[in-house]
Amino acid sequence: MSMVEVRIFVDPENVGKVMNAMADAEVTGFYVVEYRGVAPDRWKGFEIQEDPEHAIKALNDLSERAVMVVTIIREEHLDGLEEAVKRRLSGERYTIIVSDVREIKVEG
């Protein structure tokens, strides 16, 4: 039974659509992280002054709010999840990253 980790990155206003897509695909658990990120097209060729005040100002000026939804599923369920996300987020900006899971250890 091969497992994969799926990370779905979306704008905050679309997190409900991702959660519904996961329900459509019968995903039973996930976690969500809200963060600020800089898209590659905004960062390409950019260089900042390295003192802390300039770096923090650049981060505030360039970054956008985003949400990362993460789950671990059986590989055979991946196509269903990707189709559900594609359907629910049609016309929206999103990124999916899939990584193989070599091992899961649960203690306690």
N, C-alpha and C. Protein backbone atom coordinates (compact mmCIF):
# COMPACT_ATOMS: atom_id res chain seq x y z
N MET A 1 0.85 -1.18 0.00
CA MET A 1 0.00 0.00 0.00
C MET A 1 0.89 1.23 0.00
N SER A 2 1.01 1.90 -1.12
CA SER A 2 1.84 3.08 -1.26
C SER A 2 1.06 4.32 -0.83
N MET A 3 1.72 5.18 -0.04
CA MET A 3 1.09 6.40 0.45
C MET A 3 1.78 7.61 -0.15
N VAL A 4 1.02 8.69 -0.33
CA VAL A 4 1.57 9.95 -0.81
C VAL A 4 1.11 11.09 0.08
N GLU A 5 1.96 12.09 0.19
CA GLU A 5 1.58 13.32 0.86
C GLU A 5 1.16 14.30 -0.22
N VAL A 6 0.01 14.93 -0.03
CA VAL A 6 -0.51 15.90 -0.99
C VAL A 6 -0.59 17.25 -0.30
N ARG A 7 0.04 18.24 -0.91
CA ARG A 7 -0.02 19.62 -0.42
C ARG A 7 -0.74 20.46 -1.47
N ILE A 8 -1.78 21.12 -1.05
CA ILE A 8 -2.56 21.96 -1.96
C ILE A 8 -2.45 23.40 -1.45
N PHE A 9 -1.93 24.27 -2.29
CA PHE A 9 -1.75 25.67 -1.95
C PHE A 9 -2.83 26.50 -2.65
N VAL A 10 -3.55 27.31 -1.87
CA VAL A 10 -4.63 28.11 -2.42
C VAL A 10 -4.67 29.49 -1.76
N ASP A 11 -5.39 30.40 -2.40
CA ASP A 11 -5.69 31.68 -1.77
C ASP A 11 -6.69 31.43 -0.64
N PRO A 12 -6.64 32.21 0.43
CA PRO A 12 -7.49 31.96 1.60
C PRO A 12 -8.98 31.85 1.28
N GLU A 13 -9.46 32.61 0.32
CA GLU A 13 -10.89 32.56 0.01
C GLU A 13 -11.33 31.24 -0.62
N ASN A 14 -10.37 30.40 -0.99
CA ASN A 14 -10.71 29.12 -1.63
C ASN A 14 -10.50 27.91 -0.73
N VAL A 15 -10.19 28.12 0.53
CA VAL A 15 -9.92 26.98 1.42
C VAL A 15 -11.17 26.11 1.58
N GLY A 16 -12.35 26.70 1.60
CA GLY A 16 -13.59 25.92 1.70
C GLY A 16 -13.78 25.02 0.48
N LYS A 17 -13.41 25.51 -0.69
CA LYS A 17 -13.51 24.70 -1.91
C LYS A 17 -12.59 23.49 -1.82
N VAL A 18 -11.39 23.69 -1.28
CA VAL A 18 -10.45 22.56 -1.13
C VAL A 18 -11.01 21.55 -0.14
N MET A 19 -11.55 22.04 0.97
CA MET A 19 -12.12 21.13 1.97
C MET A 19 -13.26 20.33 1.38
N ASN A 20 -14.10 20.96 0.56
CA ASN A 20 -15.19 20.24 -0.10
C ASN A 20 -14.66 19.24 -1.12
N ALA A 21 -13.59 19.60 -1.83
CA ALA A 21 -12.98 18.67 -2.78
C ALA A 21 -12.44 17.44 -2.05
N MET A 22 -11.86 17.66 -0.88
CA MET A 22 -11.35 16.53 -0.10
C MET A 22 -12.50 15.64 0.37
N ALA A 23 -13.61 16.25 0.76
CA ALA A 23 -14.77 15.44 1.13
C ALA A 23 -15.29 14.65 -0.08
N ASP A 24 -15.32 15.31 -1.25
CA ASP A 24 -15.74 14.62 -2.48
C ASP A 24 -14.88 13.38 -2.73
N ALA A 25 -13.59 13.51 -2.44
CA ALA A 25 -12.63 12.43 -2.71
C ALA A 25 -12.50 11.47 -1.53
N GLU A 26 -13.34 11.64 -0.51
CA GLU A 26 -13.37 10.78 0.67
C GLU A 26 -12.06 10.81 1.47
N VAL A 27 -11.40 11.97 1.48
CA VAL A 27 -10.23 12.15 2.34
C VAL A 27 -10.74 12.30 3.76
N THR A 28 -10.14 11.56 4.68
CA THR A 28 -10.67 11.52 6.05
C THR A 28 -9.92 12.40 7.04
N GLY A 29 -8.80 12.96 6.65
CA GLY A 29 -8.06 13.82 7.56
C GLY A 29 -7.08 14.70 6.83
N PHE A 30 -6.84 15.86 7.39
CA PHE A 30 -5.91 16.81 6.79
C PHE A 30 -5.57 17.86 7.83
N TYR A 31 -4.56 18.66 7.53
CA TYR A 31 -4.30 19.84 8.35
C TYR A 31 -4.10 21.04 7.44
N VAL A 32 -4.27 22.22 8.02
CA VAL A 32 -4.23 23.47 7.26
C VAL A 32 -3.24 24.42 7.92
N VAL A 33 -2.43 25.07 7.10
CA VAL A 33 -1.49 26.06 7.59
C VAL A 33 -1.72 27.35 6.81
N GLU A 34 -1.97 28.43 7.53
CA GLU A 34 -2.07 29.73 6.89
C GLU A 34 -0.70 30.39 6.96
N TYR A 35 -0.26 31.01 5.88
CA TYR A 35 1.07 31.59 5.84
C TYR A 35 1.10 32.77 4.88
N ARG A 36 2.23 33.42 4.79
CA ARG A 36 2.46 34.46 3.80
C ARG A 36 3.55 33.94 2.87
N GLY A 37 3.34 34.07 1.58
CA GLY A 37 4.31 33.57 0.62
C GLY A 37 4.51 34.54 -0.52
N VAL A 38 5.60 34.33 -1.25
CA VAL A 38 5.92 35.16 -2.40
C VAL A 38 5.93 34.26 -3.63
N ALA A 39 5.10 34.60 -4.60
CA ALA A 39 5.01 33.82 -5.84
C ALA A 39 6.29 34.00 -6.66
N PRO A 40 6.70 32.97 -7.38
CA PRO A 40 7.94 33.05 -8.16
C PRO A 40 7.99 34.23 -9.13
N ASP A 41 6.87 34.56 -9.74
CA ASP A 41 6.89 35.67 -10.70
C ASP A 41 7.10 37.02 -10.02
N ARG A 42 6.78 37.14 -8.76
CA ARG A 42 7.02 38.38 -8.02
C ARG A 42 8.44 38.44 -7.49
N TRP A 43 9.08 37.29 -7.30
CA TRP A 43 10.40 37.25 -6.68
C TRP A 43 11.52 37.21 -7.71
N LYS A 44 11.25 36.73 -8.91
CA LYS A 44 12.28 36.52 -9.93
C LYS A 44 13.10 37.79 -10.16
N GLY A 45 14.40 37.66 -10.00
CA GLY A 45 15.31 38.77 -10.25
C GLY A 45 15.32 39.83 -9.17
N PHE A 46 14.63 39.58 -8.08
CA PHE A 46 14.51 40.57 -7.01
C PHE A 46 15.63 40.36 -6.01
N GLU A 47 16.18 41.44 -5.50
CA GLU A 47 17.17 41.34 -4.44
C GLU A 47 16.85 42.41 -3.40
N ILE A 48 16.98 42.04 -2.12
CA ILE A 48 16.64 42.98 -1.05
C ILE A 48 17.90 43.41 -0.31
N GLN A 49 17.79 44.55 0.37
CA GLN A 49 18.84 44.93 1.31
C GLN A 49 18.74 43.98 2.49
N GLU A 50 19.85 43.56 3.02
CA GLU A 50 19.84 42.47 3.99
C GLU A 50 19.66 42.89 5.44
N ASP A 51 19.51 44.17 5.70
CA ASP A 51 19.27 44.54 7.09
C ASP A 51 17.83 44.17 7.45
N PRO A 52 17.57 43.84 8.73
CA PRO A 52 16.26 43.31 9.13
C PRO A 52 15.07 44.19 8.76
N GLU A 53 15.18 45.50 8.92
CA GLU A 53 14.04 46.37 8.62
C GLU A 53 13.67 46.33 7.15
N HIS A 54 14.65 46.38 6.26
CA HIS A 54 14.36 46.31 4.83
C HIS A 54 13.83 44.94 4.43
N ALA A 55 14.40 43.88 5.02
CA ALA A 55 13.94 42.53 4.70
C ALA A 55 12.49 42.34 5.12
N ILE A 56 12.13 42.78 6.31
CA ILE A 56 10.74 42.64 6.78
C ILE A 56 9.80 43.49 5.95
N LYS A 57 10.22 44.71 5.58
CA LYS A 57 9.38 45.56 4.73
C LYS A 57 9.16 44.89 3.38
N ALA A 58 10.23 44.34 2.80
CA ALA A 58 10.09 43.66 1.50
C ALA A 58 9.14 42.48 1.62
N LEU A 59 9.27 41.71 2.70
CA LEU A 59 8.37 40.57 2.90
C LEU A 59 6.92 41.05 2.99
N ASN A 60 6.67 42.09 3.75
CA ASN A 60 5.31 42.62 3.87
C ASN A 60 4.79 43.17 2.55
N ASP A 61 5.66 43.81 1.77
CA ASP A 61 5.24 44.40 0.50
C ASP A 61 5.01 43.36 -0.60
N LEU A 62 5.81 42.31 -0.62
CA LEU A 62 5.77 41.34 -1.71
C LEU A 62 4.90 40.13 -1.44
N SER A 63 4.73 39.78 -0.18
CA SER A 63 4.06 38.51 0.13
C SER A 63 2.54 38.64 0.11
N GLU A 64 1.91 37.49 -0.08
CA GLU A 64 0.45 37.40 -0.08
C GLU A 64 0.03 36.34 0.93
N ARG A 65 -1.16 36.50 1.48
CA ARG A 65 -1.72 35.45 2.34
C ARG A 65 -2.02 34.24 1.49
N ALA A 66 -1.79 33.07 2.06
CA ALA A 66 -2.08 31.82 1.36
C ALA A 66 -2.37 30.74 2.40
N VAL A 67 -2.91 29.63 1.92
CA VAL A 67 -3.24 28.50 2.78
C VAL A 67 -2.67 27.24 2.13
N MET A 68 -2.09 26.39 2.97
CA MET A 68 -1.60 25.09 2.51
C MET A 68 -2.42 24.02 3.23
N VAL A 69 -3.07 23.16 2.46
CA VAL A 69 -3.85 22.05 3.00
C VAL A 69 -3.04 20.78 2.71
N VAL A 70 -2.80 19.99 3.76
CA VAL A 70 -1.92 18.82 3.62
C VAL A 70 -2.65 17.56 4.08
N THR A 71 -2.51 16.49 3.31
CA THR A 71 -3.07 15.21 3.70
C THR A 71 -2.15 14.10 3.22
N ILE A 72 -2.30 12.93 3.82
CA ILE A 72 -1.61 11.73 3.37
C ILE A 72 -2.68 10.72 3.00
N ILE A 73 -2.60 10.24 1.76
CA ILE A 73 -3.61 9.31 1.24
C ILE A 73 -2.93 8.15 0.53
N ARG A 74 -3.70 7.11 0.27
CA ARG A 74 -3.19 6.02 -0.57
C ARG A 74 -3.04 6.54 -2.00
N GLU A 75 -2.00 6.09 -2.64
CA GLU A 75 -1.71 6.57 -4.00
C GLU A 75 -2.87 6.32 -4.96
N GLU A 76 -3.59 5.24 -4.77
CA GLU A 76 -4.71 4.95 -5.69
C GLU A 76 -5.86 5.95 -5.55
N HIS A 77 -5.88 6.76 -4.49
CA HIS A 77 -6.92 7.79 -4.32
C HIS A 77 -6.49 9.15 -4.86
N LEU A 78 -5.25 9.26 -5.31
CA LEU A 78 -4.71 10.54 -5.76
C LEU A 78 -5.46 11.11 -6.96
N ASP A 79 -5.73 10.29 -7.96
CA ASP A 79 -6.44 10.79 -9.15
C ASP A 79 -7.80 11.37 -8.78
N GLY A 80 -8.51 10.71 -7.88
CA GLY A 80 -9.82 11.20 -7.46
C GLY A 80 -9.72 12.54 -6.76
N LEU A 81 -8.70 12.71 -5.91
CA LEU A 81 -8.52 13.98 -5.22
C LEU A 81 -8.14 15.07 -6.21
N GLU A 82 -7.23 14.77 -7.12
CA GLU A 82 -6.83 15.78 -8.11
C GLU A 82 -8.01 16.20 -8.98
N GLU A 83 -8.85 15.25 -9.37
CA GLU A 83 -10.04 15.59 -10.17
C GLU A 83 -11.02 16.45 -9.38
N ALA A 84 -11.21 16.12 -8.11
CA ALA A 84 -12.12 16.90 -7.26
C ALA A 84 -11.62 18.32 -7.08
N VAL A 85 -10.31 18.47 -6.87
CA VAL A 85 -9.73 19.81 -6.74
C VAL A 85 -9.88 20.58 -8.04
N LYS A 86 -9.59 19.93 -9.15
CA LYS A 86 -9.71 20.57 -10.47
C LYS A 86 -11.14 21.05 -10.70
N ARG A 87 -12.11 20.24 -10.34
CA ARG A 87 -13.52 20.59 -10.53
C ARG A 87 -13.94 21.74 -9.61
N ARG A 88 -13.60 21.63 -8.33
CA ARG A 88 -14.02 22.63 -7.34
C ARG A 88 -13.30 23.97 -7.51
N LEU A 89 -12.06 23.92 -8.02
CA LEU A 89 -11.26 25.14 -8.15
C LEU A 89 -11.10 25.59 -9.59
N SER A 90 -12.02 25.17 -10.44
CA SER A 90 -11.97 25.57 -11.84
C SER A 90 -11.91 27.10 -11.95
N GLY A 91 -10.91 27.58 -12.66
CA GLY A 91 -10.75 29.02 -12.85
C GLY A 91 -10.01 29.73 -11.72
N GLU A 92 -9.64 28.99 -10.67
CA GLU A 92 -8.93 29.58 -9.53
C GLU A 92 -7.45 29.20 -9.58
N ARG A 93 -6.65 29.95 -8.88
CA ARG A 93 -5.21 29.69 -8.79
C ARG A 93 -4.96 28.68 -7.67
N TYR A 94 -4.22 27.61 -7.98
CA TYR A 94 -3.83 26.64 -6.96
C TYR A 94 -2.61 25.87 -7.42
N THR A 95 -1.93 25.25 -6.46
CA THR A 95 -0.78 24.41 -6.74
C THR A 95 -0.93 23.13 -5.95
N ILE A 96 -0.63 22.00 -6.58
CA ILE A 96 -0.64 20.70 -5.90
C ILE A 96 0.77 20.13 -5.98
N ILE A 97 1.29 19.71 -4.84
CA ILE A 97 2.58 19.02 -4.78
C ILE A 97 2.34 17.65 -4.15
N VAL A 98 2.84 16.61 -4.80
CA VAL A 98 2.68 15.24 -4.32
C VAL A 98 4.06 14.65 -4.06
N SER A 99 4.22 14.06 -2.87
CA SER A 99 5.49 13.43 -2.50
C SER A 99 5.23 12.02 -2.00
N ASP A 100 6.13 11.11 -2.33
CA ASP A 100 6.04 9.76 -1.79
C ASP A 100 6.28 9.78 -0.28
N VAL A 101 5.58 8.93 0.43
CA VAL A 101 5.78 8.78 1.87
C VAL A 101 6.49 7.44 2.07
N ARG A 102 7.69 7.51 2.61
CA ARG A 102 8.46 6.28 2.84
C ARG A 102 8.07 5.58 4.12
N GLU A 103 7.69 6.36 5.14
CA GLU A 103 7.45 5.76 6.42
C GLU A 103 6.52 6.68 7.24
N ILE A 104 5.67 6.06 8.04
CA ILE A 104 4.84 6.79 8.99
C ILE A 104 5.01 6.11 10.32
N LYS A 105 5.37 6.87 11.35
CA LYS A 105 5.48 6.35 12.70
C LYS A 105 4.54 7.14 13.59
N VAL A 106 3.68 6.43 14.30
CA VAL A 106 2.77 7.07 15.25
C VAL A 106 3.07 6.48 16.63
N GLU A 107 3.35 7.34 17.57
CA GLU A 107 3.65 6.88 18.92
C GLU A 107 2.70 7.54 19.90
N GLY A 108 2.34 6.80 20.94
CA GLY A 108 1.52 7.36 22.02
C GLY A 108 0.11 7.32 21.79
